[in-house]
């Protein structure tokens, strides 16, 4: 039987410092179909709804990606400065 996963996150930290840059690595299986509205979000511990995200970035298909193949991806969340 083939793997059922479509997205698998790798090296996920249990916590991050506020205002720090976060690099998010993940793998997409060949069963995933890219859509223009795919995104990756950061959530606070205890989240209960997809609307509970702290921030997000669009997950764009990597350059040269061919539909129907497994691929490794990475998105970056930029740290922000605290408000004065």
C-alpha atoms as a PDB file:
ATOM      1  CA  UNK A   1       0.000   0.000   0.000  1.00  0.00           C
ATOM      2  CA  UNK A   2       1.302   3.464  -0.900  1.00  0.00           C
ATOM      3  CA  UNK A   3       1.940   6.174   1.707  1.00  0.00           C
ATOM      4  CA  UNK A   4      -1.113   8.325   2.444  1.00  0.00           C
ATOM      5  CA  UNK A   5       0.829  11.452   3.488  1.00  0.00           C
ATOM      6  CA  UNK A   6       0.736  14.544   1.334  1.00  0.00           C
ATOM      7  CA  UNK A   7       2.667  17.043   3.472  1.00  0.00           C
ATOM      8  CA  UNK A   8       5.266  16.106   6.093  1.00  0.00           C
ATOM      9  CA  UNK A   9       7.012  18.785   8.186  1.00  0.00           C
ATOM     10  CA  UNK A  10      10.632  18.097   9.175  1.00  0.00           C
ATOM     11  CA  UNK A  11      12.822  19.363  12.030  1.00  0.00           C
ATOM     12  CA  UNK A  12       9.970  21.225  13.706  1.00  0.00           C
ATOM     13  CA  UNK A  13      11.059  22.974  16.884  1.00  0.00           C
ATOM     14  CA  UNK A  14       8.977  22.769  20.034  1.00  0.00           C
ATOM     15  CA  UNK A  15       9.343  26.534  20.555  1.00  0.00           C
ATOM     16  CA  UNK A  16      10.810  29.614  18.914  1.00  0.00           C
ATOM     17  CA  UNK A  17      11.963  32.969  20.254  1.00  0.00           C
ATOM     18  CA  UNK A  18       9.692  35.932  19.483  1.00  0.00           C
ATOM     19  CA  UNK A  19      10.971  38.085  16.607  1.00  0.00           C
ATOM     20  CA  UNK A  20      13.234  35.276  15.408  1.00  0.00           C
ATOM     21  CA  UNK A  21      13.463  34.085  11.827  1.00  0.00           C
ATOM     22  CA  UNK A  22      11.922  30.625  11.374  1.00  0.00           C
ATOM     23  CA  UNK A  23      12.866  28.313   8.524  1.00  0.00           C
ATOM     24  CA  UNK A  24      10.210  25.666   7.872  1.00  0.00           C
ATOM     25  CA  UNK A  25      11.205  22.542   5.919  1.00  0.00           C
ATOM     26  CA  UNK A  26       8.610  20.146   4.598  1.00  0.00           C
ATOM     27  CA  UNK A  27       8.114  17.427   2.006  1.00  0.00           C
ATOM     28  CA  UNK A  28       5.224  17.169  -0.421  1.00  0.00           C
ATOM     29  CA  UNK A  29       4.251  13.721  -1.688  1.00  0.00           C
ATOM     30  CA  UNK A  30       3.364  12.961  -5.283  1.00  0.00           C
ATOM     31  CA  UNK A  31      -0.328  12.766  -4.231  1.00  0.00           C
ATOM     32  CA  UNK A  32      -0.396  16.505  -3.457  1.00  0.00           C
ATOM     33  CA  UNK A  33      -1.880  18.849  -6.034  1.00  0.00           C
ATOM     34  CA  UNK A  34      -0.555  22.418  -5.838  1.00  0.00           C
ATOM     35  CA  UNK A  35      -3.084  25.216  -5.583  1.00  0.00           C
ATOM     36  CA  UNK A  36      -2.524  28.972  -5.750  1.00  0.00           C
ATOM     37  CA  UNK A  37      -3.948  29.299  -2.225  1.00  0.00           C
ATOM     38  CA  UNK A  38      -1.572  26.840  -0.449  1.00  0.00           C
ATOM     39  CA  UNK A  39       0.031  28.370   2.655  1.00  0.00           C
ATOM     40  CA  UNK A  40       2.060  27.412   5.713  1.00  0.00           C
ATOM     41  CA  UNK A  41       1.185  29.020   9.035  1.00  0.00           C
ATOM     42  CA  UNK A  42       2.677  29.361  12.498  1.00  0.00           C
ATOM     43  CA  UNK A  43       0.261  28.644  15.332  1.00  0.00           C
ATOM     44  CA  UNK A  44       0.467  29.175  19.082  1.00  0.00           C
ATOM     45  CA  UNK A  45       0.408  26.080  21.290  1.00  0.00           C
ATOM     46  CA  UNK A  46      -3.169  24.949  21.901  1.00  0.00           C
ATOM     47  CA  UNK A  47      -4.646  26.248  18.653  1.00  0.00           C
ATOM     48  CA  UNK A  48      -8.043  24.792  17.784  1.00  0.00           C
ATOM     49  CA  UNK A  49      -8.940  26.321  14.419  1.00  0.00           C
ATOM     50  CA  UNK A  50      -7.093  27.029  11.185  1.00  0.00           C
ATOM     51  CA  UNK A  51      -8.109  30.655  11.816  1.00  0.00           C
ATOM     52  CA  UNK A  52      -5.877  30.702  14.952  1.00  0.00           C
ATOM     53  CA  UNK A  53      -2.654  31.264  12.992  1.00  0.00           C
ATOM     54  CA  UNK A  54      -0.124  33.854  14.196  1.00  0.00           C
ATOM     55  CA  UNK A  55       1.342  34.457  10.732  1.00  0.00           C
ATOM     56  CA  UNK A  56       1.566  32.667   7.391  1.00  0.00           C
ATOM     57  CA  UNK A  57       3.443  32.630   4.087  1.00  0.00           C
ATOM     58  CA  UNK A  58       2.309  31.409   0.691  1.00  0.00           C
ATOM     59  CA  UNK A  59       3.690  27.980  -0.213  1.00  0.00           C
ATOM     60  CA  UNK A  60       4.759  28.304  -3.829  1.00  0.00           C
ATOM     61  CA  UNK A  61       5.767  25.341  -5.959  1.00  0.00           C
ATOM     62  CA  UNK A  62       9.564  25.183  -6.233  1.00  0.00           C
ATOM     63  CA  UNK A  63      11.157  26.162  -9.524  1.00  0.00           C
ATOM     64  CA  UNK A  64      11.250  23.183 -11.877  1.00  0.00           C
ATOM     65  CA  UNK A  65       8.617  21.254  -9.901  1.00  0.00           C
ATOM     66  CA  UNK A  66       6.812  18.546 -11.880  1.00  0.00           C
ATOM     67  CA  UNK A  67       3.309  17.502 -10.799  1.00  0.00           C
ATOM     68  CA  UNK A  68       3.160  13.920  -9.493  1.00  0.00           C
ATOM     69  CA  UNK A  69       6.629  13.850  -7.908  1.00  0.00           C
ATOM     70  CA  UNK A  70       7.796  14.014  -4.293  1.00  0.00           C
ATOM     71  CA  UNK A  71       9.570  17.283  -3.482  1.00  0.00           C
ATOM     72  CA  UNK A  72      11.317  18.948  -0.520  1.00  0.00           C
ATOM     73  CA  UNK A  73      10.358  22.559   0.190  1.00  0.00           C
ATOM     74  CA  UNK A  74      11.237  25.391   2.531  1.00  0.00           C
ATOM     75  CA  UNK A  75       9.504  28.619   3.537  1.00  0.00           C
ATOM     76  CA  UNK A  76      10.884  31.396   5.736  1.00  0.00           C
ATOM     77  CA  UNK A  77       9.071  33.411   8.349  1.00  0.00           C
ATOM     78  CA  UNK A  78      10.887  36.699   8.944  1.00  0.00           C
ATOM     79  CA  UNK A  79      11.284  37.954  12.482  1.00  0.00           C
ATOM     80  CA  UNK A  80       9.589  41.277  13.184  1.00  0.00           C
ATOM     81  CA  UNK A  81      10.720  44.044  15.457  1.00  0.00           C
ATOM     82  CA  UNK A  82       8.566  44.756  18.484  1.00  0.00           C
ATOM     83  CA  UNK A  83       6.407  47.872  18.269  1.00  0.00           C
ATOM     84  CA  UNK A  84       7.838  50.916  20.118  1.00  0.00           C
END
